[in-house]
Amino acid sequence: MHRVIERQRRQEMAILYASLRNLLPPNYIRGKRSISDQVDGAVSYIMYLKNRIDGLSGKRDELKKVWGNSSGFHQGMSMSCIEAFPSSVVVRQSLDGVEIVISDSVGAQALTLSKVLQQLLEEGLDVVNCVSSRTDASLIHTIKYE
């Protein structure tokens, strides 16, 4: 009876270690390594994720201070970029980051999307997605970034 229980325990542990190994990115587990190496790789990956979360949380808090509302959006931008902005800019938090919705009229004074994207990159932000739509008299740009 004791042997059967011990065998089941070892099988369960092997399954759990295999599931842990499958959750880790390949660069944290290379080849067939010992269980202690796998656990060490998991700890390293968890610490990496924790540091990344802390860094992104700090960046998010900083962005909330600077870009908390659409009027505050211009506080962190340079003057040349502010002059190019249209009258309708909305910055809001989305599930996977922050979203900017720009509504601009079509014409000679139209906003150049590349200027906005360039400014976001200069501010150190990672643009995840950008979608542009055209209606009869306006352009609507939706930019998601981290």
N, C-alpha and C. Protein backbone atom coordinates (compact mmCIF):
# COMPACT_ATOMS: atom_id res chain seq x y z
N MET A 1 0.82 -1.20 0.00
CA MET A 1 0.00 0.00 0.00
C MET A 1 0.87 1.27 0.00
N HIS A 2 1.92 1.24 0.82
CA HIS A 2 2.82 2.38 0.89
C HIS A 2 3.51 2.64 -0.46
N ARG A 3 3.92 1.60 -1.14
CA ARG A 3 4.57 1.75 -2.45
C ARG A 3 3.62 2.35 -3.48
N VAL A 4 2.38 1.93 -3.48
CA VAL A 4 1.39 2.45 -4.43
C VAL A 4 1.17 3.95 -4.19
N ILE A 5 1.05 4.33 -2.94
CA ILE A 5 0.85 5.75 -2.60
C ILE A 5 2.07 6.56 -3.02
N GLU A 6 3.26 6.06 -2.76
CA GLU A 6 4.49 6.78 -3.13
C GLU A 6 4.61 6.89 -4.65
N ARG A 7 4.26 5.84 -5.38
CA ARG A 7 4.31 5.88 -6.84
C ARG A 7 3.33 6.92 -7.39
N GLN A 8 2.14 6.98 -6.83
CA GLN A 8 1.16 7.99 -7.25
C GLN A 8 1.67 9.40 -6.96
N ARG A 9 2.30 9.57 -5.80
CA ARG A 9 2.85 10.88 -5.46
C ARG A 9 3.92 11.31 -6.45
N ARG A 10 4.81 10.39 -6.80
CA ARG A 10 5.87 10.71 -7.78
C ARG A 10 5.28 11.02 -9.15
N GLN A 11 4.25 10.27 -9.56
CA GLN A 11 3.61 10.54 -10.85
C GLN A 11 2.94 11.91 -10.84
N GLU A 12 2.27 12.25 -9.75
CA GLU A 12 1.64 13.58 -9.65
C GLU A 12 2.68 14.69 -9.69
N MET A 13 3.80 14.48 -8.99
CA MET A 13 4.88 15.48 -9.00
C MET A 13 5.46 15.62 -10.41
N ALA A 14 5.64 14.51 -11.12
CA ALA A 14 6.17 14.57 -12.48
C ALA A 14 5.21 15.34 -13.39
N ILE A 15 3.92 15.12 -13.22
CA ILE A 15 2.92 15.85 -14.02
C ILE A 15 2.97 17.35 -13.70
N LEU A 16 3.07 17.68 -12.42
CA LEU A 16 3.13 19.09 -12.02
C LEU A 16 4.40 19.77 -12.55
N TYR A 17 5.55 19.09 -12.48
CA TYR A 17 6.78 19.67 -13.02
C TYR A 17 6.69 19.85 -14.54
N ALA A 18 6.06 18.90 -15.21
CA ALA A 18 5.89 19.02 -16.66
C ALA A 18 4.99 20.20 -17.00
N SER A 19 3.92 20.40 -16.21
CA SER A 19 3.05 21.55 -16.49
C SER A 19 3.78 22.86 -16.19
N LEU A 20 4.61 22.88 -15.16
CA LEU A 20 5.42 24.07 -14.88
C LEU A 20 6.37 24.35 -16.04
N ARG A 21 7.04 23.33 -16.53
CA ARG A 21 7.97 23.47 -17.65
C ARG A 21 7.26 23.98 -18.90
N ASN A 22 6.02 23.55 -19.13
CA ASN A 22 5.26 23.99 -20.30
C ASN A 22 4.81 25.44 -20.19
N LEU A 23 4.71 25.97 -18.99
CA LEU A 23 4.30 27.36 -18.81
C LEU A 23 5.44 28.35 -19.01
N LEU A 24 6.67 27.88 -18.91
CA LEU A 24 7.82 28.78 -19.01
C LEU A 24 8.22 28.99 -20.46
N PRO A 25 8.69 30.20 -20.79
CA PRO A 25 9.22 30.45 -22.14
C PRO A 25 10.45 29.57 -22.39
N PRO A 26 10.72 29.26 -23.65
CA PRO A 26 11.84 28.36 -23.98
C PRO A 26 13.20 28.85 -23.49
N ASN A 27 13.40 30.16 -23.42
CA ASN A 27 14.72 30.64 -23.00
C ASN A 27 14.96 30.46 -21.49
N TYR A 28 13.93 30.10 -20.72
CA TYR A 28 14.12 29.82 -19.30
C TYR A 28 14.30 28.34 -19.02
N ILE A 29 13.90 27.48 -19.96
CA ILE A 29 14.09 26.04 -19.84
C ILE A 29 14.69 25.56 -21.16
N ARG A 30 15.93 25.12 -21.10
CA ARG A 30 16.60 24.64 -22.32
C ARG A 30 16.92 23.16 -22.17
N GLY A 31 16.42 22.37 -23.08
CA GLY A 31 16.71 20.94 -23.07
C GLY A 31 16.09 20.23 -21.89
N LYS A 32 16.55 19.04 -21.63
CA LYS A 32 16.04 18.26 -20.50
C LYS A 32 16.95 18.55 -19.31
N ARG A 33 16.43 19.38 -18.41
CA ARG A 33 17.23 19.78 -17.25
C ARG A 33 16.67 19.15 -15.99
N SER A 34 17.44 19.25 -14.93
CA SER A 34 16.99 18.67 -13.66
C SER A 34 15.80 19.46 -13.11
N ILE A 35 15.11 18.86 -12.19
CA ILE A 35 13.94 19.51 -11.60
C ILE A 35 14.35 20.78 -10.87
N SER A 36 15.48 20.76 -10.20
CA SER A 36 15.92 21.97 -9.49
C SER A 36 16.22 23.10 -10.48
N ASP A 37 16.76 22.77 -11.66
CA ASP A 37 16.98 23.79 -12.69
C ASP A 37 15.67 24.34 -13.21
N GLN A 38 14.67 23.49 -13.35
CA GLN A 38 13.36 23.93 -13.81
C GLN A 38 12.72 24.88 -12.80
N VAL A 39 12.81 24.54 -11.52
CA VAL A 39 12.25 25.40 -10.48
C VAL A 39 13.02 26.72 -10.43
N ASP A 40 14.33 26.66 -10.58
CA ASP A 40 15.14 27.88 -10.61
C ASP A 40 14.75 28.74 -11.80
N GLY A 41 14.52 28.12 -12.96
CA GLY A 41 14.07 28.86 -14.13
C GLY A 41 12.71 29.50 -13.91
N ALA A 42 11.82 28.80 -13.22
CA ALA A 42 10.50 29.35 -12.91
C ALA A 42 10.63 30.55 -11.97
N VAL A 43 11.49 30.44 -10.97
CA VAL A 43 11.71 31.56 -10.05
C VAL A 43 12.28 32.76 -10.79
N SER A 44 13.23 32.52 -11.67
CA SER A 44 13.81 33.62 -12.46
C SER A 44 12.76 34.29 -13.34
N TYR A 45 11.92 33.49 -13.96
CA TYR A 45 10.88 34.03 -14.83
C TYR A 45 9.85 34.82 -14.01
N ILE A 46 9.48 34.32 -12.85
CA ILE A 46 8.54 35.04 -12.00
C ILE A 46 9.13 36.37 -11.55
N MET A 47 10.41 36.39 -11.21
CA MET A 47 11.06 37.65 -10.81
C MET A 47 11.11 38.63 -11.99
N TYR A 48 11.39 38.11 -13.18
CA TYR A 48 11.39 38.95 -14.37
C TYR A 48 10.00 39.58 -14.58
N LEU A 49 8.95 38.74 -14.47
CA LEU A 49 7.58 39.25 -14.65
C LEU A 49 7.23 40.27 -13.57
N LYS A 50 7.66 40.04 -12.34
CA LYS A 50 7.39 40.98 -11.25
C LYS A 50 8.05 42.33 -11.53
N ASN A 51 9.29 42.30 -11.96
CA ASN A 51 10.00 43.55 -12.28
C ASN A 51 9.33 44.26 -13.45
N ARG A 52 8.90 43.50 -14.43
CA ARG A 52 8.21 44.10 -15.59
C ARG A 52 6.88 44.74 -15.16
N ILE A 53 6.14 44.05 -14.30
CA ILE A 53 4.88 44.60 -13.80
C ILE A 53 5.13 45.88 -13.02
N ASP A 54 6.15 45.87 -12.16
CA ASP A 54 6.47 47.07 -11.39
C ASP A 54 6.85 48.23 -12.31
N GLY A 55 7.65 47.94 -13.32
CA GLY A 55 8.05 48.99 -14.27
C GLY A 55 6.86 49.54 -15.05
N LEU A 56 6.01 48.65 -15.53
CA LEU A 56 4.83 49.09 -16.29
C LEU A 56 3.83 49.81 -15.40
N SER A 57 3.71 49.40 -14.14
CA SER A 57 2.81 50.09 -13.21
C SER A 57 3.30 51.51 -12.96
N GLY A 58 4.60 51.66 -12.79
CA GLY A 58 5.16 53.00 -12.62
C GLY A 58 4.95 53.86 -13.85
N LYS A 59 5.13 53.28 -15.01
CA LYS A 59 4.90 54.02 -16.26
C LYS A 59 3.43 54.41 -16.39
N ARG A 60 2.52 53.47 -16.03
CA ARG A 60 1.10 53.75 -16.08
C ARG A 60 0.73 54.89 -15.13
N ASP A 61 1.26 54.86 -13.92
CA ASP A 61 0.96 55.91 -12.95
C ASP A 61 1.46 57.27 -13.44
N GLU A 62 2.65 57.27 -14.05
CA GLU A 62 3.19 58.51 -14.60
C GLU A 62 2.30 59.03 -15.73
N LEU A 63 1.85 58.12 -16.59
CA LEU A 63 0.97 58.53 -17.69
C LEU A 63 -0.37 59.04 -17.17
N LYS A 64 -0.88 58.43 -16.10
CA LYS A 64 -2.13 58.91 -15.52
C LYS A 64 -1.99 60.34 -15.03
N LYS A 65 -0.83 60.65 -14.44
CA LYS A 65 -0.60 62.01 -13.95
C LYS A 65 -0.56 63.00 -15.10
N VAL A 66 0.18 62.64 -16.15
CA VAL A 66 0.37 63.56 -17.27
C VAL A 66 -0.84 63.60 -18.18
N TRP A 67 -1.44 62.43 -18.44
CA TRP A 67 -2.49 62.34 -19.45
C TRP A 67 -3.81 61.89 -18.84
N GLY A 68 -4.09 62.32 -17.62
CA GLY A 68 -5.28 61.87 -16.92
C GLY A 68 -6.57 62.20 -17.64
N ASN A 69 -6.63 63.31 -18.36
CA ASN A 69 -7.82 63.65 -19.14
C ASN A 69 -7.37 64.22 -20.47
N SER A 70 -8.29 64.50 -21.33
CA SER A 70 -7.91 64.93 -22.68
C SER A 70 -7.23 66.29 -22.68
N SER A 71 -7.57 67.16 -21.72
CA SER A 71 -6.89 68.45 -21.68
C SER A 71 -5.48 68.28 -21.13
N GLY A 72 -5.28 67.31 -20.22
CA GLY A 72 -3.96 67.04 -19.68
C GLY A 72 -3.08 66.31 -20.65
N PHE A 73 -3.62 65.87 -21.72
CA PHE A 73 -2.87 65.11 -22.73
C PHE A 73 -1.70 65.93 -23.26
N HIS A 74 -1.91 67.23 -23.41
CA HIS A 74 -0.89 68.07 -24.02
C HIS A 74 0.25 68.42 -23.07
N GLN A 75 0.14 68.16 -21.77
CA GLN A 75 1.15 68.59 -20.82
C GLN A 75 2.51 67.98 -21.10
N GLY A 76 2.57 66.72 -21.49
CA GLY A 76 3.85 66.07 -21.70
C GLY A 76 4.39 66.22 -23.11
N MET A 77 3.72 66.93 -23.98
CA MET A 77 4.11 67.02 -25.38
C MET A 77 4.88 68.31 -25.66
N SER A 78 5.67 68.27 -26.71
CA SER A 78 6.39 69.46 -27.12
C SER A 78 5.45 70.42 -27.84
N MET A 79 5.86 71.70 -27.95
CA MET A 79 4.99 72.72 -28.55
C MET A 79 4.68 72.43 -30.01
N SER A 80 5.65 71.94 -30.76
CA SER A 80 5.39 71.68 -32.18
C SER A 80 4.31 70.62 -32.36
N CYS A 81 4.28 69.65 -31.46
CA CYS A 81 3.27 68.61 -31.55
C CYS A 81 1.91 69.13 -31.11
N ILE A 82 1.86 70.00 -30.11
CA ILE A 82 0.60 70.55 -29.63
C ILE A 82 -0.09 71.35 -30.72
N GLU A 83 0.67 72.12 -31.47
CA GLU A 83 0.08 72.94 -32.54
C GLU A 83 -0.56 72.07 -33.60
N ALA A 84 -0.06 70.86 -33.78
CA ALA A 84 -0.60 69.99 -34.83
C ALA A 84 -1.86 69.25 -34.38
N PHE A 85 -2.14 69.22 -33.06
CA PHE A 85 -3.27 68.44 -32.58
C PHE A 85 -4.60 69.08 -32.94
N PRO A 86 -5.59 68.29 -33.27
CA PRO A 86 -6.93 68.77 -33.58
C PRO A 86 -7.67 69.09 -32.29
N SER A 87 -8.92 69.52 -32.44
CA SER A 87 -9.69 69.91 -31.27
C SER A 87 -10.23 68.72 -30.50
N SER A 88 -10.30 67.56 -31.06
CA SER A 88 -10.91 66.42 -30.38
C SER A 88 -9.92 65.30 -30.17
N VAL A 89 -9.38 65.21 -28.96
CA VAL A 89 -8.47 64.14 -28.58
C VAL A 89 -8.98 63.57 -27.27
N VAL A 90 -9.19 62.27 -27.22
CA VAL A 90 -9.65 61.62 -26.01
C VAL A 90 -8.63 60.55 -25.64
N VAL A 91 -8.16 60.59 -24.40
CA VAL A 91 -7.24 59.57 -23.89
C VAL A 91 -7.97 58.82 -22.80
N ARG A 92 -8.01 57.51 -22.92
CA ARG A 92 -8.71 56.70 -21.91
C ARG A 92 -7.98 55.38 -21.71
N GLN A 93 -8.18 54.84 -20.52
CA GLN A 93 -7.57 53.56 -20.20
C GLN A 93 -8.43 52.45 -20.78
N SER A 94 -7.77 51.47 -21.41
CA SER A 94 -8.48 50.32 -21.94
C SER A 94 -8.02 49.08 -21.17
N LEU A 95 -8.57 47.93 -21.49
CA LEU A 95 -8.22 46.71 -20.77
C LEU A 95 -6.76 46.34 -20.92
N ASP A 96 -6.18 46.61 -22.09
CA ASP A 96 -4.81 46.18 -22.35
C ASP A 96 -3.83 47.34 -22.51
N GLY A 97 -4.10 48.49 -21.92
CA GLY A 97 -3.19 49.62 -22.00
C GLY A 97 -3.95 50.93 -21.98
N VAL A 98 -3.48 51.86 -22.79
CA VAL A 98 -4.09 53.17 -22.90
C VAL A 98 -4.46 53.40 -24.36
N GLU A 99 -5.56 54.10 -24.58
CA GLU A 99 -6.08 54.30 -25.92
C GLU A 99 -6.25 55.80 -26.17
N ILE A 100 -5.83 56.25 -27.33
CA ILE A 100 -6.04 57.63 -27.76
C ILE A 100 -6.98 57.58 -28.96
N VAL A 101 -8.05 58.38 -28.91
CA VAL A 101 -8.97 58.48 -30.03
C VAL A 101 -8.89 59.92 -30.52
N ILE A 102 -8.50 60.09 -31.77
CA ILE A 102 -8.33 61.41 -32.36
C ILE A 102 -9.35 61.56 -33.48
N SER A 103 -10.14 62.62 -33.41
CA SER A 103 -11.09 62.93 -34.46
C SER A 103 -10.61 64.20 -35.13
N ASP A 104 -10.43 64.16 -36.42
CA ASP A 104 -9.84 65.27 -37.15
C ASP A 104 -10.62 65.51 -38.44
N SER A 105 -10.80 66.77 -38.79
CA SER A 105 -11.48 67.08 -40.04
C SER A 105 -10.52 66.89 -41.21
N VAL A 106 -11.08 66.51 -42.34
CA VAL A 106 -10.29 66.33 -43.55
C VAL A 106 -10.07 67.69 -44.18
N GLY A 107 -8.84 68.01 -44.49
CA GLY A 107 -8.56 69.29 -45.11
C GLY A 107 -7.10 69.66 -44.98
N ALA A 108 -6.77 70.91 -45.23
CA ALA A 108 -5.39 71.36 -45.23
C ALA A 108 -4.75 71.28 -43.85
N GLN A 109 -5.52 71.51 -42.79
CA GLN A 109 -4.97 71.49 -41.44
C GLN A 109 -5.07 70.11 -40.78
N ALA A 110 -5.32 69.10 -41.56
CA ALA A 110 -5.53 67.76 -41.00
C ALA A 110 -4.29 67.27 -40.27
N LEU A 111 -4.51 66.54 -39.20
CA LEU A 111 -3.45 65.98 -38.39
C LEU A 111 -2.72 64.89 -39.17
N THR A 112 -1.41 64.91 -39.08
CA THR A 112 -0.62 63.85 -39.69
C THR A 112 -0.43 62.77 -38.64
N LEU A 113 -0.98 61.61 -38.92
CA LEU A 113 -0.91 60.50 -37.98
C LEU A 113 0.54 60.14 -37.66
N SER A 114 1.40 60.24 -38.63
CA SER A 114 2.80 59.90 -38.39
C SER A 114 3.44 60.79 -37.34
N LYS A 115 3.00 62.06 -37.26
CA LYS A 115 3.54 62.95 -36.23
C LYS A 115 3.14 62.48 -34.83
N VAL A 116 1.90 62.05 -34.70
CA VAL A 116 1.43 61.57 -33.41
C VAL A 116 2.18 60.31 -33.01
N LEU A 117 2.31 59.36 -33.95
CA LEU A 117 3.02 58.12 -33.66
C LEU A 117 4.48 58.38 -33.33
N GLN A 118 5.09 59.30 -34.06
CA GLN A 118 6.48 59.65 -33.79
C GLN A 118 6.63 60.24 -32.39
N GLN A 119 5.70 61.11 -32.01
CA GLN A 119 5.76 61.72 -30.68
C GLN A 119 5.59 60.68 -29.58
N LEU A 120 4.68 59.73 -29.79
CA LEU A 120 4.48 58.67 -28.79
C LEU A 120 5.75 57.83 -28.64
N LEU A 121 6.41 57.53 -29.75
CA LEU A 121 7.66 56.77 -29.69
C LEU A 121 8.76 57.57 -29.00
N GLU A 122 8.81 58.87 -29.26
CA GLU A 122 9.81 59.71 -28.60
C GLU A 122 9.56 59.79 -27.09
N GLU A 123 8.30 59.67 -26.68
CA GLU A 123 7.96 59.69 -25.27
C GLU A 123 8.28 58.34 -24.61
N GLY A 124 8.72 57.36 -25.40
CA GLY A 124 9.09 56.06 -24.86
C GLY A 124 7.94 55.09 -24.72
N LEU A 125 6.88 55.30 -25.47
CA LEU A 125 5.69 54.44 -25.38
C LEU A 125 5.69 53.43 -26.52
N ASP A 126 5.17 52.25 -26.26
CA ASP A 126 5.10 51.20 -27.26
C ASP A 126 3.70 51.18 -27.86
N VAL A 127 3.60 51.52 -29.15
CA VAL A 127 2.32 51.49 -29.85
C VAL A 127 2.00 50.04 -30.19
N VAL A 128 0.83 49.57 -29.74
CA VAL A 128 0.43 48.18 -29.94
C VAL A 128 -0.45 48.05 -31.17
N ASN A 129 -1.34 49.04 -31.38
CA ASN A 129 -2.33 48.94 -32.45
C ASN A 129 -2.71 50.35 -32.88
N CYS A 130 -2.95 50.51 -34.17
CA CYS A 130 -3.40 51.80 -34.69
C CYS A 130 -4.41 51.53 -35.81
N VAL A 131 -5.61 52.10 -35.65
CA VAL A 131 -6.66 51.91 -36.64
C VAL A 131 -7.16 53.28 -37.07
N SER A 132 -7.28 53.51 -38.37
CA SER A 132 -7.79 54.77 -38.89
C SER A 132 -9.06 54.50 -39.69
N SER A 133 -10.05 55.37 -39.49
CA SER A 133 -11.31 55.27 -40.21
C SER A 133 -11.65 56.62 -40.78
N ARG A 134 -12.30 56.63 -41.93
CA ARG A 134 -12.69 57.88 -42.55
C ARG A 134 -14.21 57.92 -42.67
N THR A 135 -14.78 59.03 -42.21
CA THR A 135 -16.20 59.29 -42.40
C THR A 135 -16.32 60.38 -43.45
N ASP A 136 -17.51 60.91 -43.64
CA ASP A 136 -17.71 61.92 -44.67
C ASP A 136 -16.79 63.13 -44.52
N ALA A 137 -16.72 63.67 -43.31
CA ALA A 137 -15.96 64.91 -43.14
C ALA A 137 -14.83 64.79 -42.13
N SER A 138 -14.54 63.61 -41.65
CA SER A 138 -13.49 63.52 -40.64
C SER A 138 -12.74 62.20 -40.71
N LEU A 139 -11.59 62.21 -40.07
CA LEU A 139 -10.77 61.02 -39.89
C LEU A 139 -10.78 60.68 -38.41
N ILE A 140 -10.90 59.41 -38.09
CA ILE A 140 -10.85 58.98 -36.70
C ILE A 140 -9.70 57.99 -36.57
N HIS A 141 -8.74 58.33 -35.72
CA HIS A 141 -7.57 57.48 -35.48
C HIS A 141 -7.70 56.93 -34.06
N THR A 142 -7.56 55.63 -33.91
CA THR A 142 -7.56 55.00 -32.58
C THR A 142 -6.21 54.34 -32.41
N ILE A 143 -5.47 54.81 -31.41
CA ILE A 143 -4.11 54.32 -31.16
C ILE A 143 -4.10 53.68 -29.78
N LYS A 144 -3.64 52.43 -29.69
CA LYS A 144 -3.49 51.75 -28.41
C LYS A 144 -2.00 51.62 -28.13
N TYR A 145 -1.61 51.90 -26.91
CA TYR A 145 -0.19 51.79 -26.56
C TYR A 145 -0.05 51.32 -25.13
N GLU A 146 1.17 50.88 -24.82
CA GLU A 146 1.52 50.45 -23.46
C GLU A 146 2.46 51.46 -22.87
